[in-house]
Amino acid sequence: MRPSIRGKMSKADIIRRVSEEAGYTQGDVRAILDAYKDVAIRSVQKGGSGEFKLLELVMIERVHRRARKARNPRTGEPIDVPAKRAVKVRALGALKSIEL
């Protein structure tokens, strides 16, 4: 098993690391990641399929949240929360099986 990566990684760090490990240029990796992001956004936006799996790591899906009653935590006053569409992200098998 490969060693864990320590520290937070910026987009530039991710591009550099992937290019080194996969043998592609950083420009190629940047273009692939940007295209991947565009496909994910178009999949979950209105008129899209409503879901997008990210390399067996996470599922990004559009969900409908129904209208509900809530309470203002400061005053305790009841308020109406309108129905809306939202994006939900959940871990899939490859992330669920790792030891944290």
N, C-alpha and C. Protein backbone atom coordinates (compact mmCIF):
# COMPACT_ATOMS: atom_id res chain seq x y z
N MET A 1 0.84 -1.18 0.00
CA MET A 1 0.00 0.00 0.00
C MET A 1 0.89 1.24 0.00
N ARG A 2 0.48 2.24 -0.77
CA ARG A 2 1.26 3.47 -0.86
C ARG A 2 1.09 4.30 0.42
N PRO A 3 2.10 5.11 0.75
CA PRO A 3 2.00 5.93 1.96
C PRO A 3 0.95 7.03 1.81
N SER A 4 0.41 7.45 2.93
CA SER A 4 -0.58 8.53 2.94
C SER A 4 0.07 9.84 2.53
N ILE A 5 -0.73 10.75 2.01
CA ILE A 5 -0.24 12.07 1.64
C ILE A 5 -0.50 12.99 2.82
N ARG A 6 0.53 13.61 3.31
CA ARG A 6 0.42 14.49 4.48
C ARG A 6 0.17 15.93 4.02
N GLY A 7 -0.64 16.64 4.76
CA GLY A 7 -0.88 18.04 4.48
C GLY A 7 -1.97 18.25 3.44
N LYS A 8 -2.52 19.45 3.46
CA LYS A 8 -3.57 19.80 2.50
C LYS A 8 -2.94 20.05 1.14
N MET A 9 -3.73 19.75 0.09
CA MET A 9 -3.22 19.94 -1.27
C MET A 9 -4.07 20.96 -2.00
N SER A 10 -3.40 21.90 -2.66
CA SER A 10 -4.10 22.87 -3.50
C SER A 10 -4.36 22.22 -4.86
N LYS A 11 -5.10 22.92 -5.71
CA LYS A 11 -5.36 22.40 -7.05
C LYS A 11 -4.03 22.19 -7.79
N ALA A 12 -3.10 23.13 -7.64
CA ALA A 12 -1.80 23.02 -8.30
C ALA A 12 -1.03 21.79 -7.78
N ASP A 13 -1.12 21.53 -6.48
CA ASP A 13 -0.46 20.35 -5.91
C ASP A 13 -1.05 19.06 -6.47
N ILE A 14 -2.37 19.02 -6.58
CA ILE A 14 -3.05 17.83 -7.12
C ILE A 14 -2.63 17.62 -8.57
N ILE A 15 -2.62 18.68 -9.36
CA ILE A 15 -2.23 18.57 -10.77
C ILE A 15 -0.80 18.08 -10.89
N ARG A 16 0.11 18.63 -10.09
CA ARG A 16 1.51 18.21 -10.14
C ARG A 16 1.65 16.74 -9.75
N ARG A 17 1.00 16.33 -8.67
CA ARG A 17 1.12 14.95 -8.19
C ARG A 17 0.55 13.95 -9.20
N VAL A 18 -0.64 14.25 -9.76
CA VAL A 18 -1.26 13.35 -10.74
C VAL A 18 -0.40 13.27 -11.99
N SER A 19 0.13 14.40 -12.43
CA SER A 19 0.97 14.38 -13.64
C SER A 19 2.22 13.53 -13.44
N GLU A 20 2.82 13.61 -12.24
CA GLU A 20 4.00 12.80 -11.95
C GLU A 20 3.66 11.30 -11.90
N GLU A 21 2.53 10.96 -11.24
CA GLU A 21 2.19 9.55 -11.08
C GLU A 21 1.64 8.91 -12.34
N ALA A 22 0.95 9.70 -13.19
CA ALA A 22 0.33 9.13 -14.39
C ALA A 22 1.21 9.31 -15.63
N GLY A 23 2.20 10.16 -15.56
CA GLY A 23 3.08 10.35 -16.70
C GLY A 23 2.54 11.29 -17.76
N TYR A 24 1.62 12.17 -17.40
CA TYR A 24 1.08 13.16 -18.32
C TYR A 24 1.65 14.53 -17.97
N THR A 25 1.54 15.46 -18.90
CA THR A 25 2.00 16.82 -18.61
C THR A 25 0.99 17.49 -17.69
N GLN A 26 1.44 18.50 -16.97
CA GLN A 26 0.55 19.22 -16.08
C GLN A 26 -0.57 19.90 -16.85
N GLY A 27 -0.29 20.37 -18.07
CA GLY A 27 -1.32 20.98 -18.90
C GLY A 27 -2.41 20.00 -19.28
N ASP A 28 -2.01 18.76 -19.59
CA ASP A 28 -3.00 17.72 -19.91
C ASP A 28 -3.88 17.40 -18.71
N VAL A 29 -3.27 17.26 -17.55
CA VAL A 29 -4.02 16.94 -16.33
C VAL A 29 -4.98 18.08 -16.00
N ARG A 30 -4.52 19.33 -16.12
CA ARG A 30 -5.37 20.49 -15.85
C ARG A 30 -6.58 20.48 -16.79
N ALA A 31 -6.36 20.20 -18.07
CA ALA A 31 -7.45 20.18 -19.05
C ALA A 31 -8.45 19.07 -18.73
N ILE A 32 -7.95 17.91 -18.33
CA ILE A 32 -8.82 16.78 -17.98
C ILE A 32 -9.66 17.11 -16.75
N LEU A 33 -9.04 17.66 -15.72
CA LEU A 33 -9.77 18.00 -14.51
C LEU A 33 -10.82 19.08 -14.77
N ASP A 34 -10.49 20.08 -15.59
CA ASP A 34 -11.46 21.13 -15.93
C ASP A 34 -12.64 20.56 -16.73
N ALA A 35 -12.35 19.64 -17.65
CA ALA A 35 -13.42 19.01 -18.43
C ALA A 35 -14.29 18.13 -17.52
N TYR A 36 -13.67 17.43 -16.59
CA TYR A 36 -14.39 16.58 -15.64
C TYR A 36 -15.33 17.42 -14.79
N LYS A 37 -14.84 18.57 -14.32
CA LYS A 37 -15.67 19.48 -13.53
C LYS A 37 -16.86 19.97 -14.33
N ASP A 38 -16.65 20.31 -15.59
CA ASP A 38 -17.73 20.80 -16.44
C ASP A 38 -18.80 19.72 -16.66
N VAL A 39 -18.37 18.49 -16.88
CA VAL A 39 -19.31 17.38 -17.07
C VAL A 39 -20.13 17.14 -15.80
N ALA A 40 -19.47 17.22 -14.63
CA ALA A 40 -20.18 17.02 -13.36
C ALA A 40 -21.23 18.10 -13.16
N ILE A 41 -20.90 19.34 -13.41
CA ILE A 41 -21.85 20.44 -13.24
C ILE A 41 -23.02 20.30 -14.20
N ARG A 42 -22.75 19.98 -15.46
CA ARG A 42 -23.83 19.84 -16.43
C ARG A 42 -24.72 18.65 -16.12
N SER A 43 -24.19 17.63 -15.44
CA SER A 43 -24.99 16.46 -15.08
C SER A 43 -26.00 16.76 -13.98
N VAL A 44 -25.63 17.58 -13.02
CA VAL A 44 -26.54 17.84 -11.90
C VAL A 44 -27.39 19.09 -12.07
N GLN A 45 -27.09 19.92 -13.06
CA GLN A 45 -27.90 21.13 -13.25
C GLN A 45 -29.27 20.79 -13.82
N LYS A 46 -30.17 21.75 -13.80
CA LYS A 46 -31.52 21.56 -14.31
C LYS A 46 -31.46 21.07 -15.76
N GLY A 47 -32.20 20.02 -16.06
CA GLY A 47 -32.19 19.42 -17.39
C GLY A 47 -31.17 18.31 -17.54
N GLY A 48 -30.27 18.15 -16.57
CA GLY A 48 -29.27 17.09 -16.61
C GLY A 48 -29.83 15.81 -16.01
N SER A 49 -29.00 14.79 -15.94
CA SER A 49 -29.44 13.50 -15.41
C SER A 49 -29.75 13.55 -13.92
N GLY A 50 -29.14 14.48 -13.20
CA GLY A 50 -29.40 14.61 -11.77
C GLY A 50 -28.39 13.91 -10.89
N GLU A 51 -27.45 13.17 -11.49
CA GLU A 51 -26.43 12.50 -10.68
C GLU A 51 -25.14 12.34 -11.46
N PHE A 52 -24.04 12.23 -10.72
CA PHE A 52 -22.71 12.08 -11.32
C PHE A 52 -21.83 11.33 -10.34
N LYS A 53 -21.25 10.21 -10.79
CA LYS A 53 -20.33 9.44 -9.95
C LYS A 53 -18.91 9.89 -10.26
N LEU A 54 -18.18 10.19 -9.21
CA LEU A 54 -16.81 10.66 -9.35
C LEU A 54 -15.85 9.51 -9.04
N LEU A 55 -15.46 8.77 -10.07
CA LEU A 55 -14.44 7.72 -9.98
C LEU A 55 -14.65 6.74 -8.82
N GLU A 56 -15.84 6.29 -8.61
CA GLU A 56 -16.17 5.35 -7.53
C GLU A 56 -15.78 5.88 -6.15
N LEU A 57 -15.63 7.21 -6.04
CA LEU A 57 -15.29 7.83 -4.76
C LEU A 57 -16.52 8.48 -4.13
N VAL A 58 -17.18 9.34 -4.90
CA VAL A 58 -18.36 10.04 -4.39
C VAL A 58 -19.45 10.09 -5.45
N MET A 59 -20.68 10.23 -4.97
CA MET A 59 -21.84 10.42 -5.84
C MET A 59 -22.32 11.85 -5.59
N ILE A 60 -22.45 12.62 -6.66
CA ILE A 60 -22.98 13.97 -6.58
C ILE A 60 -24.36 13.90 -7.20
N GLU A 61 -25.39 14.30 -6.46
CA GLU A 61 -26.74 14.19 -7.00
C GLU A 61 -27.58 15.41 -6.65
N ARG A 62 -28.51 15.71 -7.53
CA ARG A 62 -29.47 16.78 -7.32
C ARG A 62 -30.65 16.20 -6.55
N VAL A 63 -31.05 16.86 -5.46
CA VAL A 63 -32.17 16.39 -4.65
C VAL A 63 -33.18 17.52 -4.51
N HIS A 64 -34.42 17.14 -4.22
CA HIS A 64 -35.47 18.11 -3.96
C HIS A 64 -35.76 18.10 -2.48
N ARG A 65 -35.61 19.24 -1.84
CA ARG A 65 -35.92 19.35 -0.42
C ARG A 65 -37.32 19.95 -0.29
N ARG A 66 -38.20 19.26 0.41
CA ARG A 66 -39.58 19.73 0.52
C ARG A 66 -39.66 20.92 1.48
N ALA A 67 -40.75 21.66 1.36
CA ALA A 67 -40.99 22.78 2.27
C ALA A 67 -41.20 22.23 3.68
N ARG A 68 -40.79 23.01 4.68
CA ARG A 68 -40.91 22.54 6.06
C ARG A 68 -41.00 23.72 7.02
N LYS A 69 -41.35 23.41 8.23
CA LYS A 69 -41.36 24.38 9.31
C LYS A 69 -40.05 24.26 10.07
N ALA A 70 -39.51 25.37 10.52
CA ALA A 70 -38.29 25.37 11.32
C ALA A 70 -38.45 26.41 12.42
N ARG A 71 -37.46 26.50 13.28
CA ARG A 71 -37.49 27.50 14.35
C ARG A 71 -36.24 28.35 14.29
N ASN A 72 -36.43 29.64 14.50
CA ASN A 72 -35.30 30.55 14.62
C ASN A 72 -34.62 30.22 15.95
N PRO A 73 -33.35 29.81 15.94
CA PRO A 73 -32.71 29.40 17.19
C PRO A 73 -32.55 30.54 18.20
N ARG A 74 -32.50 31.75 17.72
CA ARG A 74 -32.31 32.88 18.62
C ARG A 74 -33.60 33.26 19.33
N THR A 75 -34.72 33.30 18.57
CA THR A 75 -35.99 33.77 19.15
C THR A 75 -36.97 32.64 19.43
N GLY A 76 -36.76 31.47 18.82
CA GLY A 76 -37.70 30.37 18.98
C GLY A 76 -38.93 30.52 18.10
N GLU A 77 -38.98 31.58 17.31
CA GLU A 77 -40.14 31.84 16.45
C GLU A 77 -40.17 30.85 15.29
N PRO A 78 -41.35 30.26 15.00
CA PRO A 78 -41.43 29.35 13.85
C PRO A 78 -41.32 30.11 12.53
N ILE A 79 -40.62 29.51 11.58
CA ILE A 79 -40.48 30.11 10.25
C ILE A 79 -40.75 29.04 9.20
N ASP A 80 -41.17 29.49 8.01
CA ASP A 80 -41.39 28.58 6.89
C ASP A 80 -40.14 28.53 6.02
N VAL A 81 -39.66 27.33 5.75
CA VAL A 81 -38.53 27.14 4.85
C VAL A 81 -39.11 26.63 3.54
N PRO A 82 -38.92 27.36 2.43
CA PRO A 82 -39.52 26.94 1.17
C PRO A 82 -38.83 25.71 0.58
N ALA A 83 -39.53 25.02 -0.31
CA ALA A 83 -38.96 23.89 -1.03
C ALA A 83 -37.85 24.40 -1.95
N LYS A 84 -36.83 23.56 -2.17
CA LYS A 84 -35.74 23.97 -3.06
C LYS A 84 -35.01 22.75 -3.58
N ARG A 85 -34.23 22.97 -4.62
CA ARG A 85 -33.34 21.93 -5.13
C ARG A 85 -31.97 22.17 -4.52
N ALA A 86 -31.26 21.09 -4.22
CA ALA A 86 -29.94 21.20 -3.62
C ALA A 86 -29.04 20.12 -4.20
N VAL A 87 -27.76 20.22 -3.94
CA VAL A 87 -26.79 19.22 -4.37
C VAL A 87 -26.34 18.44 -3.14
N LYS A 88 -26.35 17.12 -3.25
CA LYS A 88 -25.97 16.23 -2.16
C LYS A 88 -24.75 15.43 -2.61
N VAL A 89 -23.77 15.30 -1.74
CA VAL A 89 -22.56 14.53 -2.05
C VAL A 89 -22.42 13.44 -0.99
N ARG A 90 -22.23 12.20 -1.45
CA ARG A 90 -22.05 11.11 -0.50
C ARG A 90 -20.92 10.20 -0.94
N ALA A 91 -20.27 9.60 0.04
CA ALA A 91 -19.12 8.73 -0.21
C ALA A 91 -19.58 7.40 -0.77
N LEU A 92 -18.81 6.86 -1.70
CA LEU A 92 -19.08 5.53 -2.26
C LEU A 92 -18.04 4.53 -1.73
N GLY A 93 -18.08 3.33 -2.22
CA GLY A 93 -17.30 2.22 -1.72
C GLY A 93 -15.82 2.46 -1.52
N ALA A 94 -15.15 3.08 -2.48
CA ALA A 94 -13.71 3.26 -2.37
C ALA A 94 -13.34 4.12 -1.15
N LEU A 95 -14.17 5.09 -0.81
CA LEU A 95 -13.90 5.92 0.37
C LEU A 95 -14.41 5.29 1.64
N LYS A 96 -15.49 4.50 1.54
CA LYS A 96 -16.04 3.87 2.73
C LYS A 96 -15.14 2.77 3.27
N SER A 97 -14.35 2.15 2.40
CA SER A 97 -13.55 0.99 2.81
C SER A 97 -12.17 1.36 3.37
N ILE A 98 -11.78 2.63 3.35
CA ILE A 98 -10.46 2.97 3.87
C ILE A 98 -10.47 3.10 5.39
N GLU A 99 -9.34 2.89 5.98
CA GLU A 99 -9.22 3.03 7.42
C GLU A 99 -8.88 4.47 7.74
N LEU A 100 -9.67 5.10 8.59
CA LEU A 100 -9.46 6.50 8.93
C LEU A 100 -8.71 6.65 10.23
